[in-house]
């Protein structure tokens, strides 16, 4: 089973960002929406603009941590530097045996495997829907595709950011 991970709107863009995954064979999806206000606050407090790959890894962590049984291969889009995202994910999932057996590849590697150079992420449209509809009222949001939103607070993001920072400092 494949699971793809994608963002709509890069973190540096001055609008809300949707991050979603989609399991290809059954169409299941979940997403996170980071408001522009939250992104500005993170930039101000912890300088996330210097390392968006770390923020992307934290969001992916919260998206997949409860669904590791649902997929075998995780495809991460090239929205941020793949190797940095992968390294941060490895730190966040340190000691998790379910995560360690997963194959994690970039969208570029998937294009090489399939031979389709124009292949887009399967989660591209879903992440955009989360970005556009995620903050709307439940009544307006549930017309069309039903969203499975994972709520992320400032404190949850800061908690994982500190874990990654402590790991970097301990290696120095």
N, C-alpha and C. Protein backbone atom coordinates (compact mmCIF):
# COMPACT_ATOMS: atom_id res chain seq x y z
N UNK A 1 0.83 -1.18 0.00
CA UNK A 1 0.00 0.00 0.00
C UNK A 1 0.88 1.24 0.00
N UNK A 2 0.51 2.18 -0.80
CA UNK A 2 1.23 3.45 -0.90
C UNK A 2 0.50 4.52 -0.10
N UNK A 3 1.26 5.38 0.50
CA UNK A 3 0.69 6.56 1.11
C UNK A 3 1.51 7.73 0.61
N UNK A 4 0.83 8.76 0.12
CA UNK A 4 1.56 9.94 -0.33
C UNK A 4 1.28 11.10 0.61
N UNK A 5 2.26 11.95 0.73
CA UNK A 5 2.24 13.09 1.63
C UNK A 5 2.48 14.33 0.80
N UNK A 6 1.70 15.38 0.99
CA UNK A 6 1.89 16.58 0.20
C UNK A 6 1.44 17.81 0.99
N UNK A 7 1.93 18.98 0.56
CA UNK A 7 1.45 20.24 1.12
C UNK A 7 0.83 21.06 0.00
N UNK A 8 -0.12 21.89 0.36
CA UNK A 8 -0.57 22.91 -0.58
C UNK A 8 -0.11 24.22 0.02
N UNK A 9 0.51 25.02 -0.75
CA UNK A 9 1.14 26.27 -0.34
C UNK A 9 2.36 25.97 0.51
N UNK A 10 3.44 26.46 0.08
CA UNK A 10 4.68 26.29 0.82
C UNK A 10 4.57 27.05 2.14
N UNK A 11 5.40 26.69 3.09
CA UNK A 11 5.32 27.31 4.41
C UNK A 11 5.62 28.81 4.35
N UNK A 12 6.46 29.22 3.42
CA UNK A 12 6.83 30.63 3.36
C UNK A 12 5.77 31.50 2.71
N UNK A 13 4.78 30.92 2.04
CA UNK A 13 3.73 31.71 1.42
C UNK A 13 2.81 32.28 2.49
N UNK A 14 2.36 33.50 2.28
CA UNK A 14 1.57 34.19 3.29
C UNK A 14 0.09 33.83 3.17
N UNK A 15 -0.19 32.55 3.33
CA UNK A 15 -1.56 32.06 3.39
C UNK A 15 -1.57 30.75 4.17
N UNK A 16 -2.76 30.28 4.47
CA UNK A 16 -2.86 29.01 5.20
C UNK A 16 -2.21 27.90 4.39
N UNK A 17 -1.66 26.91 5.11
CA UNK A 17 -1.01 25.77 4.46
C UNK A 17 -1.76 24.50 4.84
N UNK A 18 -2.07 23.70 3.84
CA UNK A 18 -2.69 22.40 4.07
C UNK A 18 -1.67 21.30 3.86
N UNK A 19 -1.62 20.36 4.77
CA UNK A 19 -0.72 19.21 4.66
C UNK A 19 -1.59 17.98 4.81
N UNK A 20 -1.50 17.09 3.85
CA UNK A 20 -2.38 15.93 3.88
C UNK A 20 -1.66 14.68 3.40
N UNK A 21 -2.21 13.54 3.79
CA UNK A 21 -1.77 12.29 3.20
C UNK A 21 -2.98 11.59 2.61
N UNK A 22 -2.70 10.74 1.66
CA UNK A 22 -3.74 9.94 1.04
C UNK A 22 -3.18 8.54 0.82
N UNK A 23 -3.93 7.54 1.27
CA UNK A 23 -3.55 6.16 1.01
C UNK A 23 -4.14 5.82 -0.35
N UNK A 24 -3.29 5.45 -1.27
CA UNK A 24 -3.67 5.35 -2.67
C UNK A 24 -4.72 4.29 -2.93
N UNK A 25 -4.57 3.10 -2.37
CA UNK A 25 -5.48 2.02 -2.76
C UNK A 25 -6.88 2.14 -2.18
N UNK A 26 -7.06 2.83 -1.04
CA UNK A 26 -8.42 2.94 -0.49
C UNK A 26 -8.94 4.37 -0.43
N UNK A 27 -8.12 5.35 -0.75
CA UNK A 27 -8.57 6.74 -0.80
C UNK A 27 -8.69 7.42 0.56
N UNK A 28 -8.32 6.74 1.64
CA UNK A 28 -8.38 7.35 2.97
C UNK A 28 -7.41 8.53 3.02
N UNK A 29 -7.82 9.59 3.71
CA UNK A 29 -6.96 10.76 3.83
C UNK A 29 -7.17 11.45 5.16
N UNK A 30 -6.14 12.17 5.59
CA UNK A 30 -6.18 13.02 6.77
C UNK A 30 -5.35 14.25 6.47
N UNK A 31 -5.62 15.31 7.19
CA UNK A 31 -4.87 16.52 6.93
C UNK A 31 -4.74 17.43 8.14
N UNK A 32 -3.84 18.36 8.00
CA UNK A 32 -3.57 19.39 9.00
C UNK A 32 -3.61 20.72 8.28
N UNK A 33 -4.13 21.72 8.95
CA UNK A 33 -4.11 23.07 8.40
C UNK A 33 -3.32 23.95 9.35
N UNK A 34 -2.31 24.62 8.83
CA UNK A 34 -1.56 25.59 9.61
C UNK A 34 -1.99 26.97 9.13
N UNK A 35 -2.56 27.74 10.02
CA UNK A 35 -3.01 29.08 9.64
C UNK A 35 -1.81 29.98 9.42
N UNK A 36 -2.01 30.99 8.64
CA UNK A 36 -0.94 31.96 8.39
C UNK A 36 -0.52 32.60 9.71
N UNK A 37 -1.47 32.86 10.60
CA UNK A 37 -1.17 33.45 11.91
C UNK A 37 -0.26 32.52 12.72
N UNK A 38 -0.57 31.22 12.75
CA UNK A 38 0.27 30.26 13.46
C UNK A 38 1.67 30.20 12.86
N UNK A 39 1.76 30.21 11.55
CA UNK A 39 3.09 30.17 10.90
C UNK A 39 3.90 31.42 11.25
N UNK A 40 3.26 32.59 11.27
CA UNK A 40 3.96 33.82 11.65
C UNK A 40 4.44 33.75 13.10
N UNK A 41 3.59 33.22 13.99
CA UNK A 41 3.97 33.10 15.39
C UNK A 41 5.15 32.15 15.56
N UNK A 42 5.13 31.04 14.84
CA UNK A 42 6.26 30.10 14.90
C UNK A 42 7.53 30.73 14.36
N UNK A 43 7.41 31.48 13.27
CA UNK A 43 8.57 32.18 12.72
C UNK A 43 9.15 33.16 13.73
N UNK A 44 8.28 33.87 14.42
CA UNK A 44 8.72 34.88 15.39
C UNK A 44 9.37 34.24 16.61
N UNK A 45 8.77 33.17 17.13
CA UNK A 45 9.25 32.57 18.39
C UNK A 45 10.46 31.64 18.19
N UNK A 46 10.43 30.82 17.14
CA UNK A 46 11.49 29.81 17.01
C UNK A 46 12.19 29.81 15.65
N UNK A 47 11.97 30.82 14.86
CA UNK A 47 12.64 30.96 13.56
C UNK A 47 12.46 29.74 12.66
N UNK A 48 11.21 29.32 12.46
CA UNK A 48 10.96 28.17 11.60
C UNK A 48 11.36 28.43 10.17
N UNK A 49 11.43 29.71 9.77
CA UNK A 49 11.78 30.02 8.39
C UNK A 49 13.18 29.55 8.02
N UNK A 50 14.00 29.30 9.02
CA UNK A 50 15.35 28.80 8.75
C UNK A 50 15.36 27.30 8.46
N UNK A 51 14.29 26.59 8.86
CA UNK A 51 14.28 25.15 8.65
C UNK A 51 12.85 24.64 8.48
N UNK A 52 12.28 24.90 7.33
CA UNK A 52 10.91 24.43 7.06
C UNK A 52 10.84 22.91 6.94
N UNK A 53 11.95 22.26 6.62
CA UNK A 53 11.96 20.80 6.53
C UNK A 53 11.64 20.19 7.90
N UNK A 54 12.10 20.82 8.95
CA UNK A 54 11.82 20.35 10.31
C UNK A 54 10.33 20.49 10.62
N UNK A 55 9.74 21.61 10.25
CA UNK A 55 8.31 21.83 10.46
C UNK A 55 7.48 20.84 9.65
N UNK A 56 7.89 20.58 8.42
CA UNK A 56 7.20 19.61 7.57
C UNK A 56 7.27 18.21 8.18
N UNK A 57 8.44 17.83 8.71
CA UNK A 57 8.60 16.53 9.35
C UNK A 57 7.70 16.40 10.58
N UNK A 58 7.58 17.46 11.35
CA UNK A 58 6.72 17.44 12.53
C UNK A 58 5.26 17.23 12.12
N UNK A 59 4.84 17.91 11.09
CA UNK A 59 3.46 17.76 10.60
C UNK A 59 3.22 16.34 10.09
N UNK A 60 4.17 15.80 9.34
CA UNK A 60 4.05 14.43 8.86
C UNK A 60 3.98 13.46 10.04
N UNK A 61 4.80 13.70 11.06
CA UNK A 61 4.80 12.85 12.25
C UNK A 61 3.39 12.77 12.84
N UNK A 62 2.76 13.93 13.04
CA UNK A 62 1.42 13.93 13.64
C UNK A 62 0.38 13.31 12.72
N UNK A 63 0.59 13.41 11.42
CA UNK A 63 -0.36 12.81 10.48
C UNK A 63 -0.30 11.29 10.47
N UNK A 64 0.89 10.72 10.55
CA UNK A 64 1.01 9.27 10.35
C UNK A 64 1.22 8.46 11.61
N UNK A 65 1.49 9.09 12.74
CA UNK A 65 1.88 8.33 13.94
C UNK A 65 0.83 7.32 14.38
N UNK A 66 -0.43 7.57 14.16
CA UNK A 66 -1.48 6.64 14.56
C UNK A 66 -1.91 5.71 13.42
N UNK A 67 -1.32 5.87 12.24
CA UNK A 67 -1.73 5.10 11.07
C UNK A 67 -0.58 4.33 10.44
N UNK A 68 0.40 3.95 11.19
CA UNK A 68 1.56 3.26 10.64
C UNK A 68 1.22 1.89 10.08
N UNK A 69 0.14 1.28 10.53
CA UNK A 69 -0.28 -0.03 10.01
C UNK A 69 -0.96 0.07 8.65
N UNK A 70 -1.37 1.27 8.26
CA UNK A 70 -2.19 1.43 7.06
C UNK A 70 -1.40 1.50 5.75
N UNK A 71 -0.09 1.59 5.81
CA UNK A 71 0.69 1.73 4.58
C UNK A 71 2.05 1.05 4.73
N UNK A 72 2.67 0.76 3.57
CA UNK A 72 3.99 0.16 3.54
C UNK A 72 5.05 1.13 3.03
N UNK A 73 4.64 1.98 2.09
CA UNK A 73 5.57 2.91 1.45
C UNK A 73 5.04 4.33 1.63
N UNK A 74 5.88 5.20 2.15
CA UNK A 74 5.52 6.60 2.34
C UNK A 74 6.25 7.41 1.27
N UNK A 75 5.49 8.12 0.47
CA UNK A 75 6.06 8.98 -0.57
C UNK A 75 5.94 10.43 -0.09
N UNK A 76 7.05 11.09 0.04
CA UNK A 76 7.07 12.48 0.52
C UNK A 76 7.36 13.39 -0.65
N UNK A 77 6.50 14.38 -0.83
CA UNK A 77 6.67 15.33 -1.92
C UNK A 77 7.90 16.20 -1.70
N UNK A 78 8.36 16.78 -2.77
CA UNK A 78 9.57 17.59 -2.74
C UNK A 78 9.33 19.02 -2.32
N UNK A 79 8.31 19.26 -1.48
CA UNK A 79 8.03 20.62 -1.03
C UNK A 79 9.18 21.17 -0.19
N UNK A 80 9.81 20.30 0.55
CA UNK A 80 11.00 20.67 1.33
C UNK A 80 12.08 19.64 1.02
N UNK A 81 13.29 19.91 1.41
CA UNK A 81 14.42 19.04 1.10
C UNK A 81 14.18 17.65 1.69
N UNK A 82 14.10 16.64 0.83
CA UNK A 82 13.70 15.29 1.24
C UNK A 82 14.62 14.71 2.31
N UNK A 83 15.93 14.82 2.13
CA UNK A 83 16.87 14.21 3.08
C UNK A 83 16.74 14.81 4.48
N UNK A 84 16.51 16.11 4.55
CA UNK A 84 16.33 16.76 5.85
C UNK A 84 15.02 16.32 6.50
N UNK A 85 13.96 16.24 5.71
CA UNK A 85 12.68 15.78 6.24
C UNK A 85 12.81 14.35 6.75
N UNK A 86 13.45 13.51 5.98
CA UNK A 86 13.63 12.10 6.35
C UNK A 86 14.44 11.97 7.64
N UNK A 87 15.51 12.74 7.74
CA UNK A 87 16.36 12.71 8.93
C UNK A 87 15.56 13.12 10.17
N UNK A 88 14.76 14.17 10.06
CA UNK A 88 13.95 14.62 11.18
C UNK A 88 12.85 13.62 11.54
N UNK A 89 12.27 12.98 10.54
CA UNK A 89 11.28 11.94 10.81
C UNK A 89 11.92 10.77 11.56
N UNK A 90 13.12 10.40 11.15
CA UNK A 90 13.82 9.31 11.82
C UNK A 90 14.07 9.63 13.30
N UNK A 91 14.37 10.88 13.60
CA UNK A 91 14.56 11.29 14.99
C UNK A 91 13.24 11.24 15.75
N UNK A 92 12.18 11.75 15.14
CA UNK A 92 10.88 11.78 15.82
C UNK A 92 10.33 10.38 16.08
N UNK A 93 10.62 9.44 15.19
CA UNK A 93 10.13 8.07 15.34
C UNK A 93 11.21 7.14 15.91
N UNK A 94 12.22 7.69 16.56
CA UNK A 94 13.32 6.89 17.08
C UNK A 94 12.78 5.77 17.98
N UNK A 95 13.19 4.55 17.68
CA UNK A 95 12.79 3.40 18.47
C UNK A 95 11.44 2.80 18.10
N UNK A 96 10.74 3.37 17.16
CA UNK A 96 9.43 2.85 16.75
C UNK A 96 9.66 1.79 15.67
N UNK A 97 9.42 0.54 16.02
CA UNK A 97 9.68 -0.58 15.10
C UNK A 97 8.74 -0.55 13.89
N UNK A 98 7.51 -0.10 14.07
CA UNK A 98 6.58 -0.02 12.94
C UNK A 98 7.10 0.97 11.89
N UNK A 99 7.62 2.09 12.34
CA UNK A 99 8.14 3.09 11.42
C UNK A 99 9.41 2.59 10.73
N UNK A 100 10.27 1.89 11.46
CA UNK A 100 11.55 1.46 10.91
C UNK A 100 11.42 0.49 9.75
N UNK A 101 10.31 -0.23 9.65
CA UNK A 101 10.14 -1.18 8.54
C UNK A 101 9.49 -0.55 7.32
N UNK A 102 9.10 0.71 7.41
CA UNK A 102 8.46 1.40 6.28
C UNK A 102 9.52 1.85 5.28
N UNK A 103 9.13 1.81 4.03
CA UNK A 103 9.99 2.36 2.99
C UNK A 103 9.56 3.81 2.77
N UNK A 104 10.51 4.71 2.82
CA UNK A 104 10.22 6.14 2.66
C UNK A 104 10.98 6.63 1.46
N UNK A 105 10.24 7.14 0.48
CA UNK A 105 10.86 7.60 -0.76
C UNK A 105 10.35 9.00 -1.10
N UNK A 106 11.08 9.66 -1.97
CA UNK A 106 10.66 10.98 -2.44
C UNK A 106 9.79 10.82 -3.69
N UNK A 107 9.10 11.86 -4.03
CA UNK A 107 8.26 11.83 -5.24
C UNK A 107 9.15 11.64 -6.47
N UNK A 108 10.38 12.15 -6.42
CA UNK A 108 11.32 11.95 -7.52
C UNK A 108 11.66 10.49 -7.73
N UNK A 109 11.86 9.77 -6.62
CA UNK A 109 12.14 8.33 -6.71
C UNK A 109 10.93 7.58 -7.27
N UNK A 110 9.73 8.00 -6.87
CA UNK A 110 8.51 7.37 -7.39
C UNK A 110 8.40 7.59 -8.89
N UNK A 111 8.78 8.78 -9.34
CA UNK A 111 8.76 9.05 -10.79
C UNK A 111 9.74 8.14 -11.51
N UNK A 112 10.90 7.90 -10.93
CA UNK A 112 11.87 6.99 -11.54
C UNK A 112 11.36 5.56 -11.57
N UNK A 113 10.70 5.13 -10.49
CA UNK A 113 10.17 3.77 -10.42
C UNK A 113 9.08 3.55 -11.46
N UNK A 114 8.17 4.52 -11.58
CA UNK A 114 7.04 4.37 -12.50
C UNK A 114 7.41 4.73 -13.94
N UNK A 115 8.49 5.49 -14.12
CA UNK A 115 8.87 5.93 -15.45
C UNK A 115 8.03 7.09 -15.96
N UNK A 116 7.24 7.69 -15.07
CA UNK A 116 6.38 8.82 -15.43
C UNK A 116 6.97 10.09 -14.84
N UNK A 117 7.64 10.88 -15.68
CA UNK A 117 8.29 12.10 -15.20
C UNK A 117 7.31 13.21 -14.84
N UNK A 118 6.07 13.09 -15.27
CA UNK A 118 5.07 14.11 -15.00
C UNK A 118 4.15 13.74 -13.83
N UNK A 119 4.46 12.65 -13.16
CA UNK A 119 3.64 12.18 -12.05
C UNK A 119 3.58 13.22 -10.94
N UNK A 120 2.36 13.56 -10.52
CA UNK A 120 2.15 14.47 -9.40
C UNK A 120 1.78 13.63 -8.18
N UNK A 121 1.91 14.23 -7.04
CA UNK A 121 1.54 13.54 -5.81
C UNK A 121 0.05 13.22 -5.82
N UNK A 122 -0.29 12.04 -5.32
CA UNK A 122 -1.70 11.65 -5.22
C UNK A 122 -2.41 12.49 -4.15
N UNK A 123 -1.67 13.08 -3.25
CA UNK A 123 -2.26 13.87 -2.16
C UNK A 123 -2.32 15.36 -2.50
N UNK A 124 -1.89 15.74 -3.67
CA UNK A 124 -1.83 17.15 -4.04
C UNK A 124 -3.19 17.83 -3.95
N UNK A 125 -4.19 17.26 -4.58
CA UNK A 125 -5.52 17.87 -4.56
C UNK A 125 -6.14 17.84 -3.17
N UNK A 126 -5.93 16.76 -2.45
CA UNK A 126 -6.49 16.64 -1.10
C UNK A 126 -5.91 17.71 -0.17
N UNK A 127 -4.61 17.92 -0.23
CA UNK A 127 -4.00 18.92 0.65
C UNK A 127 -4.53 20.31 0.33
N UNK A 128 -4.79 20.59 -0.93
CA UNK A 128 -5.35 21.88 -1.31
C UNK A 128 -6.77 22.04 -0.78
N UNK A 129 -7.55 20.96 -0.78
CA UNK A 129 -8.90 21.01 -0.24
C UNK A 129 -8.85 21.28 1.26
N UNK A 130 -7.94 20.65 1.96
CA UNK A 130 -7.79 20.92 3.40
C UNK A 130 -7.44 22.38 3.64
N UNK A 131 -6.54 22.93 2.83
CA UNK A 131 -6.15 24.33 2.99
C UNK A 131 -7.32 25.26 2.78
N UNK A 132 -8.10 25.00 1.75
CA UNK A 132 -9.20 25.91 1.40
C UNK A 132 -10.42 25.75 2.29
N UNK A 133 -10.74 24.53 2.69
CA UNK A 133 -11.99 24.29 3.41
C UNK A 133 -11.82 24.04 4.90
N UNK A 134 -10.60 23.84 5.36
CA UNK A 134 -10.36 23.41 6.73
C UNK A 134 -10.86 24.33 7.81
N UNK A 135 -10.79 25.63 7.61
CA UNK A 135 -11.21 26.57 8.65
C UNK A 135 -12.65 27.03 8.49
N UNK A 136 -13.33 26.54 7.48
CA UNK A 136 -14.73 26.90 7.32
C UNK A 136 -15.58 26.18 8.35
N UNK A 137 -16.79 26.67 8.56
CA UNK A 137 -17.67 26.03 9.53
C UNK A 137 -17.95 24.60 9.10
N UNK A 138 -18.25 23.75 10.06
CA UNK A 138 -18.50 22.34 9.78
C UNK A 138 -19.60 22.16 8.74
N UNK A 139 -20.62 22.96 8.82
CA UNK A 139 -21.74 22.85 7.89
C UNK A 139 -21.28 23.14 6.45
N UNK A 140 -20.47 24.16 6.26
CA UNK A 140 -19.99 24.51 4.92
C UNK A 140 -18.88 23.56 4.47
N UNK A 141 -18.12 23.07 5.42
CA UNK A 141 -16.97 22.23 5.09
C UNK A 141 -17.39 20.86 4.60
N UNK A 142 -18.47 20.32 5.10
CA UNK A 142 -18.83 18.94 4.81
C UNK A 142 -19.56 18.75 3.49
N UNK A 143 -19.73 19.79 2.70
CA UNK A 143 -20.26 19.62 1.36
C UNK A 143 -19.11 19.16 0.48
N UNK A 144 -19.29 18.07 -0.21
CA UNK A 144 -18.21 17.52 -1.03
C UNK A 144 -17.42 16.50 -0.24
N UNK A 145 -16.12 16.55 -0.35
CA UNK A 145 -15.25 15.58 0.32
C UNK A 145 -15.24 15.85 1.83
N UNK A 146 -15.49 14.82 2.63
CA UNK A 146 -15.45 14.95 4.08
C UNK A 146 -13.99 15.00 4.53
N UNK A 147 -13.70 15.94 5.38
CA UNK A 147 -12.34 16.14 5.84
C UNK A 147 -12.10 15.45 7.18
N UNK A 148 -10.93 14.88 7.33
CA UNK A 148 -10.48 14.27 8.58
C UNK A 148 -9.32 15.12 9.09
N UNK A 149 -9.67 16.16 9.84
CA UNK A 149 -8.67 17.13 10.26
C UNK A 149 -8.05 16.73 11.59
N UNK A 150 -6.74 16.76 11.62
CA UNK A 150 -6.00 16.55 12.86
C UNK A 150 -5.64 17.94 13.39
N UNK A 151 -6.03 18.18 14.61
CA UNK A 151 -5.80 19.49 15.22
C UNK A 151 -4.39 19.56 15.80
N UNK A 152 -3.66 20.58 15.41
CA UNK A 152 -2.31 20.80 15.93
C UNK A 152 -2.27 22.16 16.62
N UNK A 153 -1.81 22.16 17.84
CA UNK A 153 -1.69 23.42 18.56
C UNK A 153 -0.25 23.92 18.50
N UNK A 154 -0.09 25.14 18.89
CA UNK A 154 1.22 25.75 18.97
C UNK A 154 2.12 24.93 19.91
N UNK A 155 1.57 24.52 21.04
CA UNK A 155 2.36 23.77 22.03
C UNK A 155 2.82 22.42 21.50
N UNK A 156 1.97 21.71 20.75
CA UNK A 156 2.38 20.43 20.17
C UNK A 156 3.53 20.61 19.19
N UNK A 157 3.45 21.65 18.38
CA UNK A 157 4.52 21.91 17.41
C UNK A 157 5.82 22.28 18.13
N UNK A 158 5.72 23.12 19.13
CA UNK A 158 6.91 23.54 19.89
C UNK A 158 7.54 22.35 20.60
N UNK A 159 6.72 21.48 21.16
CA UNK A 159 7.20 20.29 21.86
C UNK A 159 8.09 19.45 20.95
N UNK A 160 7.61 19.13 19.75
CA UNK A 160 8.40 18.31 18.82
C UNK A 160 9.60 19.08 18.28
N UNK A 161 9.45 20.39 18.08
CA UNK A 161 10.56 21.20 17.61
C UNK A 161 11.71 21.12 18.62
N UNK A 162 11.38 21.21 19.90
CA UNK A 162 12.40 21.15 20.95
C UNK A 162 13.08 19.79 20.98
N UNK A 163 12.33 18.73 20.73
CA UNK A 163 12.93 17.39 20.67
C UNK A 163 13.97 17.34 19.56
N UNK A 164 13.63 17.89 18.40
CA UNK A 164 14.58 17.89 17.27
C UNK A 164 15.78 18.79 17.56
N UNK A 165 15.55 19.93 18.19
CA UNK A 165 16.66 20.83 18.54
C UNK A 165 17.60 20.17 19.55
N UNK A 166 17.03 19.51 20.54
CA UNK A 166 17.85 18.84 21.56
C UNK A 166 18.71 17.74 20.92
N UNK A 167 18.15 17.04 19.95
CA UNK A 167 18.91 15.98 19.26
C UNK A 167 20.10 16.58 18.50
N UNK A 168 19.87 17.69 17.85
CA UNK A 168 20.95 18.36 17.10
C UNK A 168 22.04 18.83 18.07
N UNK A 169 21.62 19.42 19.20
CA UNK A 169 22.60 19.92 20.17
C UNK A 169 23.40 18.79 20.80
N UNK A 170 22.76 17.63 21.00
CA UNK A 170 23.47 16.51 21.63
C UNK A 170 24.52 15.90 20.68
N UNK A 171 24.37 16.11 19.38
CA UNK A 171 25.35 15.58 18.42
C UNK A 171 26.52 16.50 18.20
N UNK A 172 26.44 17.73 18.74
CA UNK A 172 27.53 18.70 18.55
C UNK A 172 28.65 18.47 19.52
